[in-house]
Amino acid sequence: MNKFVEKIQTFARNNLSITKQETIFVVLLFLALFIGLSNKLFKFDSNQKATVQFIRRLIDSIAEAERKTFVGTDIYGNPIDTSFVDKPFKSEFSKLTESDTNVKINLNTASRVELMRLPGIGEKTAQQIIELRKRKPIRKKEDLLEIKGIGKKKLQRIEKFISF
């Protein structure tokens, strides 16, 4: 071990122009830094352990809630299949069907994802509805006929789910 320290000191004096005292000081400084860092990393008191456990539980609960409510799109911009989501949350994000007669989506305030719940409305058409309502408020269902991709048949399919 002594020979190793002497080799480091010789290298430092010859190549880095550092004196023996400076070398000892730097080694002691790094040793103190290493001891302090390892003490900080590996020594937990009971308060720190409780805090870490609380943070882990909090993160787990947030992840669980997000798992139940996350809605994204596939590579084509279509809403993802939410059939794997628990039943209470499924109706919140899935496409509307004939049995969802009590659900009304306000075309002037709905988000893009909410608009995509309408039958036959994808991401592009939902974005066009948002752009239309930015230009002027949507006051009647016939206003939707201005949007490319919405014809009379599609309007008939979605009219029972929309409000203004």
N, C-alpha and C. Protein backbone atom coordinates (compact mmCIF):
# COMPACT_ATOMS: atom_id res chain seq x y z
N MET A 1 0.83 -1.19 0.00
CA MET A 1 0.00 0.00 0.00
C MET A 1 0.87 1.25 0.00
N ASN A 2 1.97 1.19 0.78
CA ASN A 2 2.88 2.33 0.84
C ASN A 2 3.50 2.62 -0.51
N LYS A 3 3.86 1.57 -1.25
CA LYS A 3 4.46 1.75 -2.57
C LYS A 3 3.47 2.39 -3.53
N PHE A 4 2.19 2.01 -3.40
CA PHE A 4 1.16 2.58 -4.27
C PHE A 4 1.02 4.08 -4.02
N VAL A 5 1.04 4.48 -2.75
CA VAL A 5 0.93 5.90 -2.39
C VAL A 5 2.16 6.65 -2.89
N GLU A 6 3.33 6.03 -2.77
CA GLU A 6 4.56 6.67 -3.25
C GLU A 6 4.52 6.85 -4.76
N LYS A 7 3.99 5.87 -5.48
CA LYS A 7 3.90 5.98 -6.94
C LYS A 7 2.97 7.14 -7.32
N ILE A 8 1.85 7.28 -6.59
CA ILE A 8 0.91 8.38 -6.88
C ILE A 8 1.59 9.71 -6.59
N GLN A 9 2.31 9.79 -5.48
CA GLN A 9 3.00 11.03 -5.14
C GLN A 9 4.08 11.36 -6.18
N THR A 10 4.83 10.37 -6.61
CA THR A 10 5.86 10.59 -7.62
C THR A 10 5.23 11.06 -8.93
N PHE A 11 4.16 10.42 -9.33
CA PHE A 11 3.46 10.81 -10.55
C PHE A 11 2.95 12.26 -10.44
N ALA A 12 2.37 12.60 -9.29
CA ALA A 12 1.83 13.94 -9.10
C ALA A 12 2.93 14.98 -9.12
N ARG A 13 4.08 14.70 -8.46
CA ARG A 13 5.19 15.67 -8.44
C ARG A 13 5.80 15.85 -9.82
N ASN A 14 6.00 14.76 -10.54
CA ASN A 14 6.69 14.84 -11.84
C ASN A 14 5.80 15.37 -12.95
N ASN A 15 4.56 14.91 -13.02
CA ASN A 15 3.70 15.25 -14.16
C ASN A 15 2.76 16.42 -13.88
N LEU A 16 2.35 16.61 -12.65
CA LEU A 16 1.37 17.65 -12.34
C LEU A 16 1.96 18.80 -11.53
N SER A 17 3.22 18.72 -11.18
CA SER A 17 3.91 19.75 -10.39
C SER A 17 3.19 20.02 -9.08
N ILE A 18 2.82 18.97 -8.37
CA ILE A 18 2.14 19.09 -7.09
C ILE A 18 3.10 18.62 -6.00
N THR A 19 3.17 19.37 -4.93
CA THR A 19 4.06 18.99 -3.82
C THR A 19 3.46 17.84 -3.03
N LYS A 20 4.28 17.27 -2.14
CA LYS A 20 3.84 16.15 -1.32
C LYS A 20 2.69 16.55 -0.40
N GLN A 21 2.78 17.75 0.19
CA GLN A 21 1.74 18.23 1.08
C GLN A 21 0.41 18.44 0.32
N GLU A 22 0.50 18.97 -0.89
CA GLU A 22 -0.72 19.17 -1.69
C GLU A 22 -1.35 17.83 -2.07
N THR A 23 -0.52 16.86 -2.37
CA THR A 23 -1.02 15.53 -2.71
C THR A 23 -1.75 14.92 -1.50
N ILE A 24 -1.14 15.03 -0.32
CA ILE A 24 -1.76 14.49 0.89
C ILE A 24 -3.08 15.21 1.16
N PHE A 25 -3.10 16.52 0.98
CA PHE A 25 -4.33 17.30 1.20
C PHE A 25 -5.43 16.86 0.24
N VAL A 26 -5.12 16.69 -1.03
CA VAL A 26 -6.12 16.28 -2.02
C VAL A 26 -6.64 14.87 -1.71
N VAL A 27 -5.76 13.96 -1.32
CA VAL A 27 -6.17 12.60 -0.99
C VAL A 27 -7.09 12.61 0.23
N LEU A 28 -6.71 13.38 1.25
CA LEU A 28 -7.56 13.48 2.43
C LEU A 28 -8.92 14.11 2.10
N LEU A 29 -8.90 15.10 1.23
CA LEU A 29 -10.15 15.75 0.82
C LEU A 29 -11.07 14.76 0.11
N PHE A 30 -10.51 13.97 -0.81
CA PHE A 30 -11.31 12.97 -1.51
C PHE A 30 -11.79 11.88 -0.56
N LEU A 31 -10.95 11.50 0.39
CA LEU A 31 -11.34 10.50 1.37
C LEU A 31 -12.50 10.99 2.22
N ALA A 32 -12.44 12.24 2.67
CA ALA A 32 -13.53 12.81 3.46
C ALA A 32 -14.81 12.92 2.63
N LEU A 33 -14.67 13.30 1.38
CA LEU A 33 -15.83 13.39 0.48
C LEU A 33 -16.46 12.02 0.29
N PHE A 34 -15.65 11.00 0.09
CA PHE A 34 -16.14 9.65 -0.10
C PHE A 34 -16.85 9.14 1.15
N ILE A 35 -16.27 9.37 2.31
CA ILE A 35 -16.88 8.92 3.56
C ILE A 35 -18.21 9.64 3.80
N GLY A 36 -18.24 10.94 3.57
CA GLY A 36 -19.47 11.71 3.76
C GLY A 36 -20.57 11.28 2.81
N LEU A 37 -20.20 11.05 1.54
CA LEU A 37 -21.18 10.63 0.55
C LEU A 37 -21.72 9.23 0.87
N SER A 38 -20.82 8.31 1.22
CA SER A 38 -21.29 6.96 1.53
C SER A 38 -22.14 6.95 2.80
N ASN A 39 -21.81 7.79 3.74
CA ASN A 39 -22.61 7.90 4.97
C ASN A 39 -24.00 8.43 4.63
N LYS A 40 -24.06 9.41 3.76
CA LYS A 40 -25.35 9.99 3.36
C LYS A 40 -26.20 8.98 2.58
N LEU A 41 -25.56 8.21 1.73
CA LEU A 41 -26.30 7.26 0.89
C LEU A 41 -26.78 6.03 1.65
N PHE A 42 -25.99 5.54 2.57
CA PHE A 42 -26.29 4.25 3.19
C PHE A 42 -26.80 4.33 4.62
N LYS A 43 -26.83 5.50 5.19
CA LYS A 43 -27.28 5.62 6.57
C LYS A 43 -28.59 6.39 6.60
N PHE A 44 -29.67 5.70 6.94
CA PHE A 44 -30.98 6.31 7.06
C PHE A 44 -31.38 6.31 8.54
N ASP A 45 -31.91 7.41 8.98
CA ASP A 45 -32.51 7.35 10.31
C ASP A 45 -33.99 7.03 10.14
N SER A 46 -34.71 6.87 11.20
CA SER A 46 -36.11 6.42 11.12
C SER A 46 -36.99 7.45 10.40
N ASN A 47 -36.71 8.74 10.56
CA ASN A 47 -37.51 9.76 9.87
C ASN A 47 -37.33 9.66 8.37
N GLN A 48 -36.09 9.45 7.94
CA GLN A 48 -35.84 9.34 6.51
C GLN A 48 -36.53 8.10 5.93
N LYS A 49 -36.49 7.00 6.65
CA LYS A 49 -37.15 5.78 6.17
C LYS A 49 -38.66 6.00 6.05
N ALA A 50 -39.25 6.66 7.04
CA ALA A 50 -40.69 6.92 7.00
C ALA A 50 -41.03 7.85 5.83
N THR A 51 -40.19 8.83 5.60
CA THR A 51 -40.42 9.75 4.49
C THR A 51 -40.33 9.03 3.16
N VAL A 52 -39.33 8.18 3.02
CA VAL A 52 -39.17 7.41 1.78
C VAL A 52 -40.38 6.50 1.56
N GLN A 53 -40.85 5.84 2.61
CA GLN A 53 -42.01 4.97 2.48
C GLN A 53 -43.26 5.78 2.11
N PHE A 54 -43.42 6.96 2.70
CA PHE A 54 -44.57 7.81 2.37
C PHE A 54 -44.53 8.23 0.90
N ILE A 55 -43.36 8.62 0.42
CA ILE A 55 -43.22 9.03 -0.98
C ILE A 55 -43.50 7.87 -1.91
N ARG A 56 -43.03 6.69 -1.58
CA ARG A 56 -43.30 5.51 -2.42
C ARG A 56 -44.79 5.19 -2.47
N ARG A 57 -45.48 5.27 -1.31
CA ARG A 57 -46.93 5.03 -1.30
C ARG A 57 -47.66 6.07 -2.13
N LEU A 58 -47.23 7.32 -2.02
CA LEU A 58 -47.85 8.40 -2.77
C LEU A 58 -47.68 8.19 -4.27
N ILE A 59 -46.48 7.84 -4.68
CA ILE A 59 -46.21 7.58 -6.10
C ILE A 59 -47.04 6.40 -6.59
N ASP A 60 -47.13 5.35 -5.78
CA ASP A 60 -47.93 4.18 -6.17
C ASP A 60 -49.41 4.54 -6.33
N SER A 61 -49.94 5.36 -5.42
CA SER A 61 -51.35 5.73 -5.53
C SER A 61 -51.60 6.61 -6.75
N ILE A 62 -50.66 7.49 -7.06
CA ILE A 62 -50.79 8.32 -8.27
C ILE A 62 -50.73 7.44 -9.51
N ALA A 63 -49.81 6.50 -9.53
CA ALA A 63 -49.69 5.60 -10.67
C ALA A 63 -50.96 4.76 -10.85
N GLU A 64 -51.55 4.32 -9.75
CA GLU A 64 -52.79 3.53 -9.83
C GLU A 64 -53.93 4.37 -10.39
N ALA A 65 -54.05 5.60 -9.93
CA ALA A 65 -55.11 6.48 -10.44
C ALA A 65 -54.89 6.78 -11.92
N GLU A 66 -53.65 6.99 -12.31
CA GLU A 66 -53.37 7.27 -13.72
C GLU A 66 -53.66 6.06 -14.59
N ARG A 67 -53.36 4.87 -14.07
CA ARG A 67 -53.63 3.66 -14.83
C ARG A 67 -55.11 3.53 -15.14
N LYS A 68 -55.95 3.95 -14.21
CA LYS A 68 -57.38 3.82 -14.39
C LYS A 68 -57.98 4.90 -15.29
N THR A 69 -57.29 6.02 -15.44
CA THR A 69 -57.90 7.14 -16.17
C THR A 69 -57.12 7.56 -17.41
N PHE A 70 -55.97 6.96 -17.71
CA PHE A 70 -55.16 7.39 -18.84
C PHE A 70 -55.86 7.10 -20.15
N VAL A 71 -55.89 8.07 -21.02
CA VAL A 71 -56.39 7.89 -22.37
C VAL A 71 -55.37 8.48 -23.31
N GLY A 72 -54.96 7.71 -24.25
CA GLY A 72 -53.99 8.18 -25.24
C GLY A 72 -54.49 7.88 -26.62
N THR A 73 -53.62 7.98 -27.56
CA THR A 73 -53.99 7.67 -28.94
C THR A 73 -52.97 6.70 -29.50
N ASP A 74 -53.42 5.94 -30.50
CA ASP A 74 -52.48 5.05 -31.16
C ASP A 74 -51.68 5.85 -32.18
N ILE A 75 -50.86 5.19 -32.98
CA ILE A 75 -49.99 5.92 -33.90
C ILE A 75 -50.77 6.63 -35.01
N TYR A 76 -52.04 6.29 -35.17
CA TYR A 76 -52.87 6.95 -36.17
C TYR A 76 -53.71 8.06 -35.58
N GLY A 77 -53.61 8.29 -34.26
CA GLY A 77 -54.36 9.36 -33.62
C GLY A 77 -55.73 8.93 -33.13
N ASN A 78 -56.06 7.66 -33.21
CA ASN A 78 -57.34 7.17 -32.71
C ASN A 78 -57.25 6.92 -31.22
N PRO A 79 -58.35 7.08 -30.47
CA PRO A 79 -58.30 6.81 -29.03
C PRO A 79 -57.91 5.36 -28.79
N ILE A 80 -57.15 5.11 -27.74
CA ILE A 80 -56.75 3.74 -27.44
C ILE A 80 -57.95 2.96 -26.92
N ASP A 81 -57.88 1.66 -27.05
CA ASP A 81 -58.94 0.79 -26.55
C ASP A 81 -58.91 0.85 -25.03
N THR A 82 -60.01 1.22 -24.43
CA THR A 82 -60.06 1.33 -22.97
C THR A 82 -60.84 0.19 -22.35
N SER A 83 -60.99 -0.92 -23.06
CA SER A 83 -61.76 -2.04 -22.52
C SER A 83 -61.06 -2.68 -21.33
N PHE A 84 -59.75 -2.46 -21.17
CA PHE A 84 -59.03 -3.03 -20.04
C PHE A 84 -59.22 -2.22 -18.77
N VAL A 85 -59.78 -1.04 -18.88
CA VAL A 85 -59.94 -0.15 -17.73
C VAL A 85 -61.11 -0.63 -16.88
N ASP A 86 -61.02 -0.43 -15.57
CA ASP A 86 -62.10 -0.84 -14.67
C ASP A 86 -63.43 -0.23 -15.10
N LYS A 87 -64.50 -0.92 -14.86
CA LYS A 87 -65.83 -0.52 -15.33
C LYS A 87 -66.24 0.90 -14.95
N PRO A 88 -66.03 1.40 -13.71
CA PRO A 88 -66.49 2.75 -13.39
C PRO A 88 -65.84 3.82 -14.25
N PHE A 89 -64.63 3.55 -14.75
CA PHE A 89 -63.92 4.56 -15.52
C PHE A 89 -64.09 4.37 -17.02
N LYS A 90 -64.52 3.21 -17.45
CA LYS A 90 -64.58 2.91 -18.87
C LYS A 90 -65.49 3.87 -19.61
N SER A 91 -66.69 4.11 -19.10
CA SER A 91 -67.64 4.95 -19.81
C SER A 91 -67.17 6.39 -19.93
N GLU A 92 -66.19 6.75 -19.12
CA GLU A 92 -65.69 8.11 -19.14
C GLU A 92 -64.87 8.41 -20.40
N PHE A 93 -64.29 7.37 -21.04
CA PHE A 93 -63.40 7.62 -22.15
C PHE A 93 -63.69 6.81 -23.42
N SER A 94 -64.60 5.88 -23.38
CA SER A 94 -64.83 5.05 -24.55
C SER A 94 -65.81 5.72 -25.51
N LYS A 95 -65.86 5.20 -26.72
CA LYS A 95 -66.79 5.71 -27.72
C LYS A 95 -68.23 5.56 -27.23
N LEU A 96 -69.05 6.53 -27.53
CA LEU A 96 -70.46 6.48 -27.11
C LEU A 96 -71.21 5.49 -27.99
N THR A 97 -72.18 4.79 -27.38
CA THR A 97 -73.00 3.83 -28.11
C THR A 97 -74.47 4.21 -27.93
N GLU A 98 -75.34 3.45 -28.54
CA GLU A 98 -76.79 3.70 -28.47
C GLU A 98 -77.30 3.72 -27.03
N SER A 99 -76.66 2.93 -26.17
CA SER A 99 -77.14 2.85 -24.78
C SER A 99 -76.73 4.06 -23.94
N ASP A 100 -75.87 4.91 -24.46
CA ASP A 100 -75.41 6.10 -23.73
C ASP A 100 -76.26 7.33 -24.05
N THR A 101 -77.57 7.19 -24.01
CA THR A 101 -78.46 8.29 -24.40
C THR A 101 -78.44 9.45 -23.42
N ASN A 102 -78.04 9.21 -22.18
CA ASN A 102 -78.04 10.29 -21.19
C ASN A 102 -76.76 11.13 -21.24
N VAL A 103 -75.79 10.76 -22.06
CA VAL A 103 -74.52 11.50 -22.16
C VAL A 103 -74.66 12.57 -23.24
N LYS A 104 -74.33 13.81 -22.86
CA LYS A 104 -74.34 14.92 -23.82
C LYS A 104 -72.96 15.59 -23.78
N ILE A 105 -72.39 15.81 -24.94
CA ILE A 105 -71.10 16.48 -25.04
C ILE A 105 -71.33 17.85 -25.64
N ASN A 106 -70.93 18.89 -24.91
CA ASN A 106 -71.09 20.26 -25.38
C ASN A 106 -70.00 20.56 -26.39
N LEU A 107 -70.39 20.83 -27.61
CA LEU A 107 -69.43 21.05 -28.69
C LEU A 107 -68.61 22.33 -28.50
N ASN A 108 -69.10 23.27 -27.74
CA ASN A 108 -68.39 24.53 -27.55
C ASN A 108 -67.38 24.49 -26.41
N THR A 109 -67.43 23.46 -25.57
CA THR A 109 -66.52 23.40 -24.42
C THR A 109 -65.75 22.09 -24.31
N ALA A 110 -66.11 21.08 -25.07
CA ALA A 110 -65.50 19.75 -24.93
C ALA A 110 -64.04 19.75 -25.37
N SER A 111 -63.26 18.92 -24.71
CA SER A 111 -61.86 18.74 -25.11
C SER A 111 -61.79 17.86 -26.35
N ARG A 112 -60.60 17.75 -26.91
CA ARG A 112 -60.41 16.92 -28.10
C ARG A 112 -60.76 15.47 -27.79
N VAL A 113 -60.34 14.96 -26.63
CA VAL A 113 -60.62 13.56 -26.26
C VAL A 113 -62.11 13.35 -26.07
N GLU A 114 -62.80 14.31 -25.47
CA GLU A 114 -64.25 14.17 -25.30
C GLU A 114 -64.95 14.16 -26.65
N LEU A 115 -64.52 15.00 -27.57
CA LEU A 115 -65.12 15.01 -28.91
C LEU A 115 -64.87 13.69 -29.64
N MET A 116 -63.73 13.09 -29.38
CA MET A 116 -63.40 11.82 -30.03
C MET A 116 -64.26 10.67 -29.52
N ARG A 117 -64.99 10.86 -28.44
CA ARG A 117 -65.92 9.84 -27.95
C ARG A 117 -67.14 9.72 -28.87
N LEU A 118 -67.43 10.77 -29.63
CA LEU A 118 -68.59 10.74 -30.53
C LEU A 118 -68.36 9.70 -31.62
N PRO A 119 -69.40 8.96 -32.00
CA PRO A 119 -69.24 7.93 -33.04
C PRO A 119 -68.77 8.54 -34.36
N GLY A 120 -67.72 7.98 -34.91
CA GLY A 120 -67.22 8.43 -36.21
C GLY A 120 -66.33 9.66 -36.15
N ILE A 121 -66.06 10.17 -34.98
CA ILE A 121 -65.22 11.36 -34.85
C ILE A 121 -63.84 10.93 -34.37
N GLY A 122 -62.84 11.17 -35.21
CA GLY A 122 -61.46 10.86 -34.85
C GLY A 122 -60.74 12.12 -34.42
N GLU A 123 -59.44 12.00 -34.29
CA GLU A 123 -58.64 13.12 -33.80
C GLU A 123 -58.68 14.31 -34.77
N LYS A 124 -58.59 14.03 -36.04
CA LYS A 124 -58.57 15.10 -37.04
C LYS A 124 -59.90 15.86 -37.06
N THR A 125 -61.00 15.14 -37.05
CA THR A 125 -62.32 15.78 -37.06
C THR A 125 -62.55 16.54 -35.76
N ALA A 126 -62.11 15.97 -34.65
CA ALA A 126 -62.25 16.67 -33.36
C ALA A 126 -61.48 17.98 -33.39
N GLN A 127 -60.30 17.96 -33.99
CA GLN A 127 -59.51 19.19 -34.09
C GLN A 127 -60.22 20.20 -35.00
N GLN A 128 -60.86 19.74 -36.05
CA GLN A 128 -61.60 20.64 -36.93
C GLN A 128 -62.79 21.27 -36.20
N ILE A 129 -63.45 20.50 -35.33
CA ILE A 129 -64.56 21.05 -34.54
C ILE A 129 -64.04 22.14 -33.62
N ILE A 130 -62.89 21.90 -33.01
CA ILE A 130 -62.29 22.91 -32.12
C ILE A 130 -61.94 24.17 -32.91
N GLU A 131 -61.40 24.01 -34.10
CA GLU A 131 -61.06 25.18 -34.93
C GLU A 131 -62.33 25.93 -35.36
N LEU A 132 -63.40 25.19 -35.67
CA LEU A 132 -64.67 25.83 -36.05
C LEU A 132 -65.21 26.67 -34.90
N ARG A 133 -65.21 26.12 -33.70
CA ARG A 133 -65.76 26.86 -32.56
C ARG A 133 -64.89 28.04 -32.15
N LYS A 134 -63.61 28.02 -32.54
CA LYS A 134 -62.75 29.19 -32.29
C LYS A 134 -63.16 30.34 -33.20
N ARG A 135 -63.56 29.99 -34.42
CA ARG A 135 -64.00 31.03 -35.37
C ARG A 135 -65.37 31.59 -34.99
N LYS A 136 -66.27 30.69 -34.60
CA LYS A 136 -67.63 31.10 -34.22
C LYS A 136 -68.24 30.03 -33.32
N PRO A 137 -69.08 30.42 -32.39
CA PRO A 137 -69.72 29.41 -31.53
C PRO A 137 -70.65 28.51 -32.36
N ILE A 138 -70.70 27.25 -31.99
CA ILE A 138 -71.58 26.31 -32.67
C ILE A 138 -72.94 26.42 -32.00
N ARG A 139 -73.95 26.85 -32.75
CA ARG A 139 -75.28 27.10 -32.20
C ARG A 139 -76.30 26.03 -32.58
N LYS A 140 -76.07 25.33 -33.69
CA LYS A 140 -77.01 24.29 -34.13
C LYS A 140 -76.22 23.16 -34.79
N LYS A 141 -76.85 22.00 -34.87
CA LYS A 141 -76.15 20.83 -35.38
C LYS A 141 -75.72 21.00 -36.84
N GLU A 142 -76.46 21.78 -37.61
CA GLU A 142 -76.13 21.97 -39.02
C GLU A 142 -74.80 22.71 -39.21
N ASP A 143 -74.34 23.42 -38.18
CA ASP A 143 -73.04 24.09 -38.27
C ASP A 143 -71.91 23.08 -38.50
N LEU A 144 -72.11 21.85 -38.03
CA LEU A 144 -71.08 20.83 -38.18
C LEU A 144 -70.91 20.38 -39.64
N LEU A 145 -71.89 20.65 -40.47
CA LEU A 145 -71.79 20.24 -41.87
C LEU A 145 -70.69 21.02 -42.62
N GLU A 146 -70.20 22.12 -42.02
CA GLU A 146 -69.10 22.89 -42.61
C GLU A 146 -67.78 22.13 -42.52
N ILE A 147 -67.72 21.15 -41.66
CA ILE A 147 -66.48 20.41 -41.43
C ILE A 147 -66.38 19.28 -42.43
N LYS A 148 -65.21 19.21 -43.09
CA LYS A 148 -64.96 18.13 -44.04
C LYS A 148 -64.93 16.81 -43.28
N GLY A 149 -65.68 15.85 -43.73
CA GLY A 149 -65.74 14.56 -43.06
C GLY A 149 -67.02 14.36 -42.26
N ILE A 150 -67.81 15.42 -42.08
CA ILE A 150 -69.09 15.28 -41.40
C ILE A 150 -70.19 15.54 -42.43
N GLY A 151 -70.94 14.49 -42.71
CA GLY A 151 -72.06 14.61 -43.62
C GLY A 151 -73.36 14.39 -42.86
N LYS A 152 -74.45 14.26 -43.61
CA LYS A 152 -75.76 14.10 -42.98
C LYS A 152 -75.85 12.81 -42.16
N LYS A 153 -75.29 11.71 -42.68
CA LYS A 153 -75.37 10.44 -41.95
C LYS A 153 -74.61 10.50 -40.63
N LYS A 154 -73.40 11.04 -40.67
CA LYS A 154 -72.62 11.13 -39.44
C LYS A 154 -73.29 12.08 -38.46
N LEU A 155 -73.87 13.15 -38.97
CA LEU A 155 -74.58 14.10 -38.12
C LEU A 155 -75.75 13.42 -37.43
N GLN A 156 -76.48 12.56 -38.15
CA GLN A 156 -77.60 11.83 -37.55
C GLN A 156 -77.11 10.88 -36.45
N ARG A 157 -75.91 10.27 -36.65
CA ARG A 157 -75.39 9.33 -35.64
C ARG A 157 -74.98 10.04 -34.36
N ILE A 158 -74.51 11.29 -34.48
CA ILE A 158 -73.98 11.96 -33.28
C ILE A 158 -74.95 12.95 -32.66
N GLU A 159 -76.05 13.29 -33.35
CA GLU A 159 -76.92 14.37 -32.85
C GLU A 159 -77.52 14.09 -31.47
N LYS A 160 -77.74 12.83 -31.13
CA LYS A 160 -78.33 12.54 -29.81
C LYS A 160 -77.32 12.66 -28.67
N PHE A 161 -76.02 12.81 -29.02
CA PHE A 161 -74.97 12.92 -27.99
C PHE A 161 -74.43 14.33 -27.84
N ILE A 162 -74.90 15.30 -28.64
CA ILE A 162 -74.28 16.62 -28.61
C ILE A 162 -75.23 17.68 -28.02
N SER A 163 -74.60 18.70 -27.47
CA SER A 163 -75.34 19.86 -26.99
C SER A 163 -74.51 21.10 -27.35
N PHE A 164 -75.11 22.28 -27.14
CA PHE A 164 -74.43 23.53 -27.54
C PHE A 164 -74.36 24.49 -26.38
